[in-house]
Amino acid sequence: MGDEPKDPPTLLALAIRDAGVPKLYANGFTLGLTNADTHIVLQLFGRPVAVLSLSYTLAKTLSEKLEKLVTEWEAKTGQQLATTDTIDSAFSEFLNEGKQ
């Protein structure tokens, strides 16, 4: 006992523990594109904090993987996540009243 081999750390675990890998947090984003690439501008309270450029192939793969991750989270928790667009729409009347 205690001598069983441990599973090797995953790439995610290694990246999280590595002080040399930048850690970013975003609560917004803007998308852009060129004829060759896509761009995600990560934002924190409306201020740009990073630009991530991806090939279209990688952008599509990322989109599919994120969709799978969210679907799995929703299935396990029994809750449906709201999008920022849904929240903005729900609060738009309230927010517009405050501007008058």
C-alpha atoms as a PDB file:
ATOM      1  CA  MET A   1       0.000   0.000   0.000  1.00  0.00           C
ATOM      2  CA  GLY A   2       1.128   3.504  -0.763  1.00  0.00           C
ATOM      3  CA  ASP A   3       3.455   2.214  -3.471  1.00  0.00           C
ATOM      4  CA  GLU A   4       0.833   2.251  -6.232  1.00  0.00           C
ATOM      5  CA  PRO A   5       1.907   4.348  -9.203  1.00  0.00           C
ATOM      6  CA  LYS A   6       0.201   7.706  -9.393  1.00  0.00           C
ATOM      7  CA  ASP A   7      -1.494   8.863 -12.573  1.00  0.00           C
ATOM      8  CA  PRO A   8       0.771  11.274 -14.424  1.00  0.00           C
ATOM      9  CA  PRO A   9      -0.327  14.902 -14.049  1.00  0.00           C
ATOM     10  CA  THR A  10      -2.484  16.167 -16.860  1.00  0.00           C
ATOM     11  CA  LEU A  11      -1.411  19.042 -19.067  1.00  0.00           C
ATOM     12  CA  LEU A  12      -4.105  21.160 -17.405  1.00  0.00           C
ATOM     13  CA  ALA A  13      -2.789  20.389 -13.903  1.00  0.00           C
ATOM     14  CA  LEU A  14       0.785  21.109 -14.973  1.00  0.00           C
ATOM     15  CA  ALA A  15      -0.200  24.425 -16.566  1.00  0.00           C
ATOM     16  CA  ILE A  16      -2.166  25.537 -13.511  1.00  0.00           C
ATOM     17  CA  ARG A  17       0.750  24.787 -11.165  1.00  0.00           C
ATOM     18  CA  ASP A  18       3.430  26.321 -13.414  1.00  0.00           C
ATOM     19  CA  ALA A  19       4.160  29.883 -12.282  1.00  0.00           C
ATOM     20  CA  GLY A  20       5.626  30.596 -15.724  1.00  0.00           C
ATOM     21  CA  VAL A  21       2.301  30.039 -17.503  1.00  0.00           C
ATOM     22  CA  PRO A  22       0.212  33.255 -17.543  1.00  0.00           C
ATOM     23  CA  LYS A  23      -3.144  32.973 -15.788  1.00  0.00           C
ATOM     24  CA  LEU A  24      -5.916  35.180 -17.176  1.00  0.00           C
ATOM     25  CA  TYR A  25      -9.478  35.850 -16.075  1.00  0.00           C
ATOM     26  CA  ALA A  26     -12.071  37.453 -18.316  1.00  0.00           C
ATOM     27  CA  ASN A  27     -15.697  38.408 -17.829  1.00  0.00           C
ATOM     28  CA  GLY A  28     -16.245  39.534 -21.400  1.00  0.00           C
ATOM     29  CA  PHE A  29     -14.932  39.116 -24.913  1.00  0.00           C
ATOM     30  CA  THR A  30     -15.098  40.457 -28.443  1.00  0.00           C
ATOM     31  CA  LEU A  31     -14.641  38.367 -31.577  1.00  0.00           C
ATOM     32  CA  GLY A  32     -12.926  39.341 -34.803  1.00  0.00           C
ATOM     33  CA  LEU A  33     -11.629  37.686 -37.927  1.00  0.00           C
ATOM     34  CA  THR A  34      -9.352  38.045 -40.902  1.00  0.00           C
ATOM     35  CA  ASN A  35      -9.182  35.954 -44.044  1.00  0.00           C
ATOM     36  CA  ALA A  36      -6.795  33.586 -42.255  1.00  0.00           C
ATOM     37  CA  ASP A  37      -7.519  33.690 -38.519  1.00  0.00           C
ATOM     38  CA  THR A  38     -10.006  34.436 -35.779  1.00  0.00           C
ATOM     39  CA  HIS A  39      -9.322  36.695 -32.807  1.00  0.00           C
ATOM     40  CA  ILE A  40     -10.769  36.718 -29.322  1.00  0.00           C
ATOM     41  CA  VAL A  41     -10.183  39.879 -27.315  1.00  0.00           C
ATOM     42  CA  LEU A  42     -10.593  38.927 -23.666  1.00  0.00           C
ATOM     43  CA  GLN A  43     -11.973  41.710 -21.488  1.00  0.00           C
ATOM     44  CA  LEU A  44     -12.167  42.453 -17.794  1.00  0.00           C
ATOM     45  CA  PHE A  45     -14.976  44.908 -17.024  1.00  0.00           C
ATOM     46  CA  GLY A  46     -14.888  46.112 -20.641  1.00  0.00           C
ATOM     47  CA  ARG A  47     -11.117  46.647 -20.749  1.00  0.00           C
ATOM     48  CA  PRO A  48      -9.059  44.452 -23.099  1.00  0.00           C
ATOM     49  CA  VAL A  49      -6.630  42.207 -21.210  1.00  0.00           C
ATOM     50  CA  ALA A  50      -5.457  39.753 -23.892  1.00  0.00           C
ATOM     51  CA  VAL A  51      -5.822  38.827 -27.541  1.00  0.00           C
ATOM     52  CA  LEU A  52      -6.021  35.172 -28.536  1.00  0.00           C
ATOM     53  CA  SER A  53      -5.579  34.461 -32.245  1.00  0.00           C
ATOM     54  CA  LEU A  54      -6.603  31.062 -33.613  1.00  0.00           C
ATOM     55  CA  SER A  55      -6.806  29.348 -36.968  1.00  0.00           C
ATOM     56  CA  TYR A  56     -10.376  28.699 -38.103  1.00  0.00           C
ATOM     57  CA  THR A  57      -9.846  24.958 -37.604  1.00  0.00           C
ATOM     58  CA  LEU A  58      -8.726  25.426 -34.010  1.00  0.00           C
ATOM     59  CA  ALA A  59     -11.533  27.956 -33.364  1.00  0.00           C
ATOM     60  CA  LYS A  60     -14.126  25.428 -34.527  1.00  0.00           C
ATOM     61  CA  THR A  61     -12.543  22.656 -32.458  1.00  0.00           C
ATOM     62  CA  LEU A  62     -12.479  24.928 -29.395  1.00  0.00           C
ATOM     63  CA  SER A  63     -16.122  25.840 -29.978  1.00  0.00           C
ATOM     64  CA  GLU A  64     -17.126  22.177 -30.090  1.00  0.00           C
ATOM     65  CA  LYS A  65     -15.084  21.273 -26.993  1.00  0.00           C
ATOM     66  CA  LEU A  66     -16.534  24.212 -25.016  1.00  0.00           C
ATOM     67  CA  GLU A  67     -20.059  23.209 -26.048  1.00  0.00           C
ATOM     68  CA  LYS A  68     -19.393  19.669 -24.817  1.00  0.00           C
ATOM     69  CA  LEU A  69     -17.936  20.955 -21.533  1.00  0.00           C
ATOM     70  CA  VAL A  70     -20.947  23.228 -20.858  1.00  0.00           C
ATOM     71  CA  THR A  71     -23.430  20.498 -21.812  1.00  0.00           C
ATOM     72  CA  GLU A  72     -21.698  18.084 -19.443  1.00  0.00           C
ATOM     73  CA  TRP A  73     -21.723  20.664 -16.610  1.00  0.00           C
ATOM     74  CA  GLU A  74     -25.430  21.342 -17.153  1.00  0.00           C
ATOM     75  CA  ALA A  75     -26.244  17.606 -17.199  1.00  0.00           C
ATOM     76  CA  LYS A  76     -24.296  16.924 -14.001  1.00  0.00           C
ATOM     77  CA  THR A  77     -25.729  19.894 -12.098  1.00  0.00           C
ATOM     78  CA  GLY A  78     -29.260  19.801 -13.495  1.00  0.00           C
ATOM     79  CA  GLN A  79     -28.985  23.543 -14.111  1.00  0.00           C
ATOM     80  CA  GLN A  80     -28.900  25.473 -17.354  1.00  0.00           C
ATOM     81  CA  LEU A  81     -26.308  28.208 -17.588  1.00  0.00           C
ATOM     82  CA  ALA A  82     -27.427  31.616 -18.803  1.00  0.00           C
ATOM     83  CA  THR A  83     -25.401  33.444 -21.431  1.00  0.00           C
ATOM     84  CA  THR A  84     -24.391  37.074 -21.059  1.00  0.00           C
ATOM     85  CA  ASP A  85     -26.716  37.852 -23.995  1.00  0.00           C
ATOM     86  CA  THR A  86     -29.655  36.294 -22.109  1.00  0.00           C
ATOM     87  CA  ILE A  87     -28.790  38.208 -18.949  1.00  0.00           C
ATOM     88  CA  ASP A  88     -28.367  41.478 -20.862  1.00  0.00           C
ATOM     89  CA  SER A  89     -31.765  40.969 -22.487  1.00  0.00           C
ATOM     90  CA  ALA A  90     -33.419  40.182 -19.150  1.00  0.00           C
ATOM     91  CA  PHE A  91     -32.002  43.328 -17.551  1.00  0.00           C
ATOM     92  CA  SER A  92     -32.243  45.656 -20.571  1.00  0.00           C
ATOM     93  CA  GLU A  93     -35.536  47.223 -19.476  1.00  0.00           C
ATOM     94  CA  PHE A  94     -34.197  47.788 -15.954  1.00  0.00           C
ATOM     95  CA  LEU A  95     -30.918  49.211 -17.249  1.00  0.00           C
ATOM     96  CA  ASN A  96     -32.675  51.500 -19.745  1.00  0.00           C
ATOM     97  CA  GLU A  97     -34.910  52.896 -16.961  1.00  0.00           C
ATOM     98  CA  GLY A  98     -31.807  53.888 -14.999  1.00  0.00           C
ATOM     99  CA  LYS A  99     -30.467  55.930 -17.942  1.00  0.00           C
ATOM    100  CA  GLN A 100     -33.481  58.250 -18.035  1.00  0.00           C
END
